[in-house]
């Protein structure tokens, strides 16, 4: 791939452009807002000047509601040897293109499973897709050269290609992406009118659950509007679980011992099913989930503190598999949870104590 045209210079489009430009591809940028394209260009994502001729690959990175129309125009105009889109829903755009009578041999739907709570070119990074799944949805109509160019794009962005049927993809993202966004937002919405005293008690659990609730509502309305059925199906299942859980909790309030036992069993059931589902979430580098030991270290909120902690762990010869930070309320300190292999935990604890760190059990 020598040349590419990125139509839509938001977070995903600009990040893809930065990755391609950083690996020697000549990238042209187009956006309905010329200022946004100029911003992406100033960041090093390419040029906002139009290509002189046909490019190798056109990346359509516009909002979901405009994907089909933009693709149809690109396909009919023959602006590229291959056209892809990066929308988070795949079945709908393809059906719209078929209804418009487009030749889909030079098109393949794709979806990089990466993003941020922030949007726009200023949030873009060249490494946004590194190590992340990038779904490709070829059909029997897809030309081999088109598939190869899409795979080259994925490789240049250092993502991991995953081939799926378009409708299967839409059902999958409804479960693992779209529904979690709504559930996170619904939990966060409970905080809007909450008493200030309750809000001050927020810990890492509520921060984890509500992190993605900070996402742009307008963007998510467009995404959910393109995949409403599968998301509603998942939510229906969750609603049924919620109804059962509410009944179980009400039973725990009862004076009847049998009802209380039944309520406890119902709560335990949903928690155990949650355990079983959580185990299926891929672990580090997409491998099977691993069980780590936590070494909790009290850390003052000062420049260089976290770097010193990591350096001391490195001197102890221990690889930190994951890390979480829980900030203390009303104090300039936090608890850093270092997740390490179980066999390494005792040695790391001893080494950090020798270097003056406060370890919490």
Protein backbone atom coordinates (compact mmCIF):
# COMPACT_ATOMS: atom_id res chain seq x y z
CA UNK A 1 0.00 0.00 0.00
CA UNK A 2 1.43 3.35 -1.10
CA UNK A 3 -1.51 5.73 -0.92
CA UNK A 4 -4.65 6.02 1.20
CA UNK A 5 -7.60 8.37 1.52
CA UNK A 6 -9.16 8.76 4.97
CA UNK A 7 -12.66 10.24 4.86
CA UNK A 8 -13.56 11.42 8.34
CA UNK A 9 -10.85 12.71 10.66
CA UNK A 10 -12.27 11.91 14.08
CA UNK A 11 -10.57 9.68 16.63
CA UNK A 12 -10.57 6.46 14.55
CA UNK A 13 -9.89 8.01 11.15
CA UNK A 14 -7.04 10.19 12.39
CA UNK A 15 -5.51 7.36 14.43
CA UNK A 16 -5.50 5.10 11.36
CA UNK A 17 -4.03 7.93 9.29
CA UNK A 18 -1.29 8.54 11.86
CA UNK A 19 -0.38 4.84 11.86
CA UNK A 20 -0.27 4.69 8.05
CA UNK A 21 1.64 7.94 7.63
CA UNK A 22 4.13 6.81 10.26
CA UNK A 23 4.87 3.73 8.16
CA UNK A 24 5.49 5.55 4.89
CA UNK A 25 2.02 5.58 3.31
CA UNK A 26 0.97 8.83 1.61
CA UNK A 27 -2.31 9.69 3.32
CA UNK A 28 -4.91 12.19 2.08
CA UNK A 29 -7.46 13.53 4.56
CA UNK A 30 -11.03 14.63 3.90
CA UNK A 31 -13.69 15.78 6.36
CA UNK A 32 -16.98 17.65 6.12
CA UNK A 33 -15.31 20.09 8.54
CA UNK A 34 -12.14 21.35 6.77
CA UNK A 35 -10.74 22.65 10.07
CA UNK A 36 -10.83 19.13 11.50
CA UNK A 37 -8.95 17.76 8.49
CA UNK A 38 -6.37 20.55 8.84
CA UNK A 39 -5.96 19.70 12.51
CA UNK A 40 -5.34 16.04 11.66
CA UNK A 41 -2.83 17.11 9.01
CA UNK A 42 -1.01 19.35 11.49
CA UNK A 43 -0.70 16.33 13.80
CA UNK A 44 1.18 14.45 11.08
CA UNK A 45 -1.69 12.27 9.88
CA UNK A 46 -1.28 13.25 6.22
CA UNK A 47 -2.21 16.03 3.84
CA UNK A 48 -5.58 17.70 3.51
CA UNK A 49 -4.95 18.15 -0.23
CA UNK A 50 -7.03 15.94 -2.53
CA UNK A 51 -5.26 13.01 -4.23
CA UNK A 52 -4.40 13.49 -7.89
CA UNK A 53 -5.72 10.11 -8.89
CA UNK A 54 -6.96 6.79 -7.61
CA UNK A 55 -5.56 5.71 -4.24
CA UNK A 56 -4.89 2.18 -3.06
CA UNK A 57 -7.27 2.26 -0.09
CA UNK A 58 -10.11 4.52 1.03
CA UNK A 59 -10.97 4.38 4.75
CA UNK A 60 -14.48 5.62 5.49
CA UNK A 61 -14.51 6.83 9.10
CA UNK A 62 -17.67 8.91 9.24
CA UNK A 63 -20.57 8.67 11.76
CA UNK A 64 -22.72 5.51 11.36
CA UNK A 65 -25.69 7.35 9.85
CA UNK A 66 -23.52 8.56 6.94
CA UNK A 67 -21.49 5.42 6.28
CA UNK A 68 -23.62 3.91 3.48
CA UNK A 69 -24.06 7.16 1.55
CA UNK A 70 -20.34 7.98 1.79
CA UNK A 71 -19.37 4.47 0.75
CA UNK A 72 -21.80 4.51 -2.19
CA UNK A 73 -20.28 7.76 -3.44
CA UNK A 74 -16.75 6.40 -3.05
CA UNK A 75 -17.55 3.11 -4.80
CA UNK A 76 -19.33 4.77 -7.72
CA UNK A 77 -16.57 7.33 -8.08
CA UNK A 78 -13.86 4.64 -8.23
CA UNK A 79 -11.64 6.71 -5.94
CA UNK A 80 -9.73 3.67 -4.62
CA UNK A 81 -8.76 0.13 -5.47
CA UNK A 82 -10.43 -0.89 -2.21
CA UNK A 83 -12.90 0.80 0.12
CA UNK A 84 -13.45 -0.08 3.76
CA UNK A 85 -15.46 1.43 6.58
CA UNK A 86 -14.62 1.34 10.29
CA UNK A 87 -18.15 1.71 11.68
CA UNK A 88 -19.07 -0.27 14.78
CA UNK A 89 -22.04 -1.92 13.01
CA UNK A 90 -21.55 -4.01 9.88
CA UNK A 91 -24.80 -5.61 8.71
CA UNK A 92 -26.79 -2.42 8.21
CA UNK A 93 -24.36 -0.54 5.93
CA UNK A 94 -23.93 -3.58 3.70
CA UNK A 95 -27.68 -4.01 3.30
CA UNK A 96 -28.04 -0.31 2.50
CA UNK A 97 -25.32 -0.55 -0.16
CA UNK A 98 -27.05 -3.55 -1.73
CA UNK A 99 -30.33 -1.64 -1.78
CA UNK A 100 -28.54 1.23 -3.55
CA UNK A 101 -27.35 -1.20 -6.23
CA UNK A 102 -23.62 -0.80 -5.50
CA UNK A 103 -21.00 -3.26 -6.75
CA UNK A 104 -19.48 -4.54 -3.50
CA UNK A 105 -16.53 -6.44 -4.95
CA UNK A 106 -14.16 -3.59 -3.99
CA UNK A 107 -15.65 -3.13 -0.50
CA UNK A 108 -15.13 -4.85 2.83
CA UNK A 109 -16.68 -3.88 6.15
CA UNK A 110 -14.28 -3.63 9.09
CA UNK A 111 -14.40 -2.60 12.74
CA UNK A 112 -11.33 -1.88 14.89
CA UNK A 113 -12.17 -2.77 18.49
CA UNK A 114 -10.48 0.27 19.98
CA UNK A 115 -11.52 3.69 21.16
CA UNK A 116 -11.51 6.27 23.93
CA UNK A 117 -14.00 8.30 25.91
CA UNK A 118 -12.70 11.36 24.05
CA UNK A 119 -13.36 11.99 20.36
CA UNK A 120 -11.90 14.13 17.57
CA UNK A 121 -8.46 14.29 15.96
CA UNK A 122 -6.75 15.70 19.06
CA UNK A 123 -7.57 12.46 20.90
CA UNK A 124 -6.00 10.32 18.15
CA UNK A 125 -2.79 8.32 18.55
CA UNK A 126 -0.82 6.19 16.11
CA UNK A 127 -0.78 3.27 18.56
CA UNK A 128 -4.52 3.22 19.27
CA UNK A 129 -5.01 -0.14 17.51
CA UNK A 130 -1.83 -1.95 18.60
CA UNK A 131 -2.67 -5.43 19.83
CA UNK A 132 -6.43 -4.82 19.53
CA UNK A 133 -8.82 -6.99 17.49
CA UNK A 134 -9.78 -5.55 14.09
CA UNK A 135 -12.82 -7.32 12.66
CA UNK A 136 -13.07 -7.96 8.91
CA UNK A 137 -16.37 -9.08 7.35
CA UNK A 138 -15.63 -10.33 3.82
CA UNK A 139 -18.26 -12.08 1.71
CA UNK A 140 -18.16 -14.19 -1.45
CA UNK A 141 -18.33 -10.92 -3.40
CA UNK A 142 -15.18 -9.48 -1.84
CA UNK A 143 -12.25 -9.33 -4.26
CA UNK A 144 -9.06 -11.00 -3.00
CA UNK A 145 -7.02 -7.82 -3.59
CA UNK A 146 -9.48 -5.88 -1.44
CA UNK A 147 -9.18 -8.35 1.42
CA UNK A 148 -5.39 -8.24 1.14
CA UNK A 149 -5.35 -4.43 1.29
CA UNK A 150 -7.58 -4.51 4.36
CA UNK A 151 -5.27 -7.03 5.99
CA UNK A 152 -2.29 -4.81 5.13
CA UNK A 153 -4.01 -1.88 6.84
CA UNK A 154 -4.57 -3.99 9.96
CA UNK A 155 -0.92 -5.06 9.92
CA UNK A 156 0.35 -1.49 9.49
CA UNK A 157 -1.81 -0.45 12.45
CA UNK A 158 -0.36 -3.44 14.37
CA UNK A 159 -3.82 -4.75 15.18
CA UNK A 160 -5.00 -8.38 15.21
CA UNK A 161 -7.29 -9.40 12.31
CA UNK A 162 -10.49 -11.29 13.19
CA UNK A 163 -12.75 -12.53 10.37
CA UNK A 164 -16.50 -12.67 11.14
CA UNK A 165 -19.89 -12.66 9.49
CA UNK A 166 -21.36 -9.15 9.56
CA UNK A 167 -24.53 -10.02 11.48
CA UNK A 168 -22.61 -12.22 13.93
CA UNK A 169 -20.33 -9.23 14.53
CA UNK A 170 -23.30 -6.99 15.28
CA UNK A 171 -24.68 -9.44 17.82
CA UNK A 172 -21.25 -9.76 19.41
CA UNK A 173 -20.62 -6.02 19.79
CA UNK A 174 -24.14 -5.61 21.17
CA UNK A 175 -23.07 -7.90 24.02
CA UNK A 176 -19.46 -6.81 24.64
CA UNK A 177 -19.53 -3.10 23.70
CA UNK A 178 -22.92 -1.47 23.14
CA UNK A 179 -24.81 -2.91 26.12
CA UNK A 180 -21.94 -2.23 28.59
CA UNK A 181 -22.04 1.42 27.49
CA UNK A 182 -25.73 1.69 28.31
CA UNK A 183 -25.41 -0.19 31.60
CA UNK A 184 -22.46 2.00 32.64
CA UNK A 185 -24.47 5.11 31.80
CA UNK A 186 -27.49 3.85 33.73
CA UNK A 187 -25.40 3.19 36.84
CA UNK A 188 -23.71 6.59 36.53
CA UNK A 189 -27.11 8.26 36.12
CA UNK A 190 -28.00 7.10 39.66
CA UNK A 191 -25.23 9.43 40.89
CA UNK A 192 -26.65 12.57 39.27
CA UNK A 193 -29.11 13.33 42.07
CA UNK A 194 -27.34 11.37 44.80
CA UNK A 195 -26.58 12.95 48.13
CA UNK A 196 -23.10 14.49 48.26
CA UNK A 197 -22.24 12.36 51.27
CA UNK A 198 -22.90 9.20 49.24
CA UNK A 199 -20.85 10.45 46.29
CA UNK A 200 -17.86 11.06 48.55
CA UNK A 201 -17.82 7.34 49.32
CA UNK A 202 -17.10 6.46 45.67
CA UNK A 203 -14.26 3.96 45.39
CA UNK A 204 -12.53 2.05 42.62
CA UNK A 205 -15.53 -0.19 41.99
CA UNK A 206 -17.84 2.62 40.95
CA UNK A 207 -15.03 4.24 38.96
CA UNK A 208 -14.49 0.99 37.04
CA UNK A 209 -18.20 0.53 36.32
CA UNK A 210 -18.84 4.14 35.24
CA UNK A 211 -15.62 4.91 33.33
CA UNK A 212 -17.16 4.62 29.87
CA UNK A 213 -20.21 6.63 30.94
CA UNK A 214 -18.07 9.69 30.16
CA UNK A 215 -18.41 8.96 26.41
CA UNK A 216 -20.06 11.38 23.96
CA UNK A 217 -23.87 10.81 24.07
CA UNK A 218 -24.38 12.04 20.49
CA UNK A 219 -21.89 9.53 19.14
CA UNK A 220 -23.52 6.68 21.07
CA UNK A 221 -27.02 7.60 19.93
CA UNK A 222 -25.76 7.16 16.35
CA UNK A 223 -24.07 3.84 17.16
CA UNK A 224 -27.07 2.42 19.01
CA UNK A 225 -29.45 3.63 16.30
CA UNK A 226 -27.54 1.42 13.87
CA UNK A 227 -27.75 -1.70 16.06
CA UNK A 228 -30.94 -1.39 18.15
CA UNK A 229 -32.32 -4.92 17.80
CA UNK A 230 -29.33 -6.93 19.06
CA UNK A 231 -28.75 -4.45 21.91
CA UNK A 232 -32.41 -4.66 22.94
CA UNK A 233 -32.14 -8.47 22.93
CA UNK A 234 -29.18 -8.39 25.34
CA UNK A 235 -30.88 -5.82 27.56
CA UNK A 236 -34.01 -7.98 27.69
CA UNK A 237 -31.91 -10.78 29.18
CA UNK A 238 -30.36 -8.38 31.68
CA UNK A 239 -33.82 -7.04 32.55
CA UNK A 240 -34.98 -10.56 33.32
CA UNK A 241 -31.97 -11.06 35.59
CA UNK A 242 -32.71 -7.73 37.28
CA UNK A 243 -36.31 -8.72 37.93
CA UNK A 244 -35.21 -12.00 39.50
CA UNK A 245 -32.54 -10.21 41.55
CA UNK A 246 -35.02 -7.63 42.83
CA UNK A 247 -37.39 -10.42 43.88
CA UNK A 248 -34.53 -12.23 45.60
CA UNK A 249 -33.53 -9.09 47.50
CA UNK A 250 -37.13 -8.48 48.60
CA UNK A 251 -37.23 -12.06 49.84
CA UNK A 252 -34.18 -11.36 52.00
CA UNK A 253 -36.27 -8.73 53.78
CA UNK A 254 -38.95 -11.27 54.67
CA UNK A 255 -39.52 -12.64 58.16
CA UNK A 256 -40.11 -16.05 56.59
CA UNK A 257 -36.94 -18.17 56.85
CA UNK A 258 -37.74 -20.15 53.68
CA UNK A 259 -38.15 -16.94 51.68
CA UNK A 260 -34.86 -15.62 53.00
CA UNK A 261 -33.10 -18.83 52.02
CA UNK A 262 -34.66 -18.64 48.55
CA UNK A 263 -33.59 -15.02 48.22
CA UNK A 264 -30.02 -15.82 49.24
CA UNK A 265 -29.94 -18.66 46.70
CA UNK A 266 -31.15 -16.32 43.97
CA UNK A 267 -28.46 -13.74 44.75
CA UNK A 268 -25.78 -16.42 44.90
CA UNK A 269 -26.92 -17.76 41.54
CA UNK A 270 -26.52 -14.45 39.73
CA UNK A 271 -23.16 -13.81 41.42
CA UNK A 272 -21.87 -17.27 40.47
CA UNK A 273 -23.04 -16.84 36.89
CA UNK A 274 -21.18 -13.53 36.92
CA UNK A 275 -18.05 -15.34 38.10
CA UNK A 276 -18.41 -17.86 35.27
CA UNK A 277 -18.87 -15.15 32.66
CA UNK A 278 -15.96 -13.07 33.96
CA UNK A 279 -13.64 -16.06 33.63
CA UNK A 280 -14.32 -16.09 29.88
CA UNK A 281 -13.06 -12.54 29.36
CA UNK A 282 -9.63 -12.84 27.64
CA UNK A 283 -6.63 -12.03 29.79
CA UNK A 284 -3.29 -10.42 28.99
CA UNK A 285 -2.42 -10.43 25.27
CA UNK A 286 -5.70 -12.23 24.56
CA UNK A 287 -4.57 -15.36 26.40
CA UNK A 288 -6.65 -17.28 28.91
CA UNK A 289 -7.25 -15.24 32.08
CA UNK A 290 -4.60 -15.70 34.75
CA UNK A 291 -4.90 -15.42 38.51
CA UNK A 292 -2.50 -12.88 39.96
CA UNK A 293 -1.47 -12.04 43.49
CA UNK A 294 -1.96 -8.42 44.56
CA UNK A 295 0.79 -6.51 46.34
CA UNK A 296 -0.81 -3.31 47.64
CA UNK A 297 1.52 -0.36 48.18
CA UNK A 298 0.67 2.99 49.81
CA UNK A 299 1.92 5.76 47.52
CA UNK A 300 2.09 9.50 48.17
CA UNK A 301 0.76 11.72 45.39
CA UNK A 302 4.06 13.29 44.34
CA UNK A 303 6.02 13.55 41.07
CA UNK A 304 8.06 10.46 40.24
CA UNK A 305 6.56 8.27 42.97
CA UNK A 306 4.99 5.72 40.65
CA UNK A 307 8.13 5.57 38.51
CA UNK A 308 10.25 4.84 41.61
CA UNK A 309 7.86 2.08 42.64
CA UNK A 310 8.04 0.43 39.22
CA UNK A 311 11.83 0.78 39.20
CA UNK A 312 12.11 -0.89 42.60
CA UNK A 313 9.87 -3.73 41.42
CA UNK A 314 12.13 -4.10 38.40
CA UNK A 315 15.23 -4.23 40.60
CA UNK A 316 13.54 -7.06 42.49
CA UNK A 317 13.33 -8.95 39.21
CA UNK A 318 9.52 -9.01 39.20
CA UNK A 319 7.36 -8.38 36.16
CA UNK A 320 4.23 -6.35 36.93
CA UNK A 321 1.40 -8.03 35.02
CA UNK A 322 -1.20 -5.33 35.70
CA UNK A 323 -1.72 -2.33 37.95
CA UNK A 324 -4.62 -0.45 39.53
CA UNK A 325 -4.60 2.75 41.53
CA UNK A 326 -7.21 3.57 44.14
CA UNK A 327 -7.01 7.19 45.25
CA UNK A 328 -7.67 7.98 48.89
CA UNK A 329 -10.54 10.35 49.61
CA UNK A 330 -9.37 13.63 51.15
CA UNK A 331 -5.69 12.62 51.21
CA UNK A 332 -2.78 13.18 48.85
CA UNK A 333 -2.13 9.46 48.64
CA UNK A 334 -3.37 6.33 46.96
CA UNK A 335 -3.16 2.56 47.08
CA UNK A 336 -1.31 1.02 44.14
CA UNK A 337 -2.26 -2.59 43.50
CA UNK A 338 0.57 -4.40 41.72
CA UNK A 339 -0.63 -7.66 40.15
CA UNK A 340 2.11 -10.25 39.83
CA UNK A 341 2.53 -13.99 39.46
CA UNK A 342 1.66 -15.66 42.79
CA UNK A 343 5.15 -17.09 43.20
CA UNK A 344 6.69 -13.63 42.84
CA UNK A 345 4.50 -11.88 45.43
CA UNK A 346 6.43 -12.79 48.65
CA UNK A 347 9.77 -11.75 47.17
CA UNK A 348 8.37 -8.48 45.83
CA UNK A 349 6.73 -7.68 49.17
CA UNK A 350 9.99 -8.25 51.03
CA UNK A 351 12.04 -6.26 48.50
CA UNK A 352 9.70 -3.26 48.56
CA UNK A 353 9.62 -3.22 52.35
CA UNK A 354 13.43 -3.18 52.41
CA UNK A 355 13.31 -0.11 50.16
CA UNK A 356 10.97 1.70 52.56
CA UNK A 357 7.61 1.14 50.90
CA UNK A 358 4.49 0.71 53.04
CA UNK A 359 2.77 -2.56 52.12
CA UNK A 360 -0.91 -3.04 52.94
CA UNK A 361 -2.26 -6.52 53.55
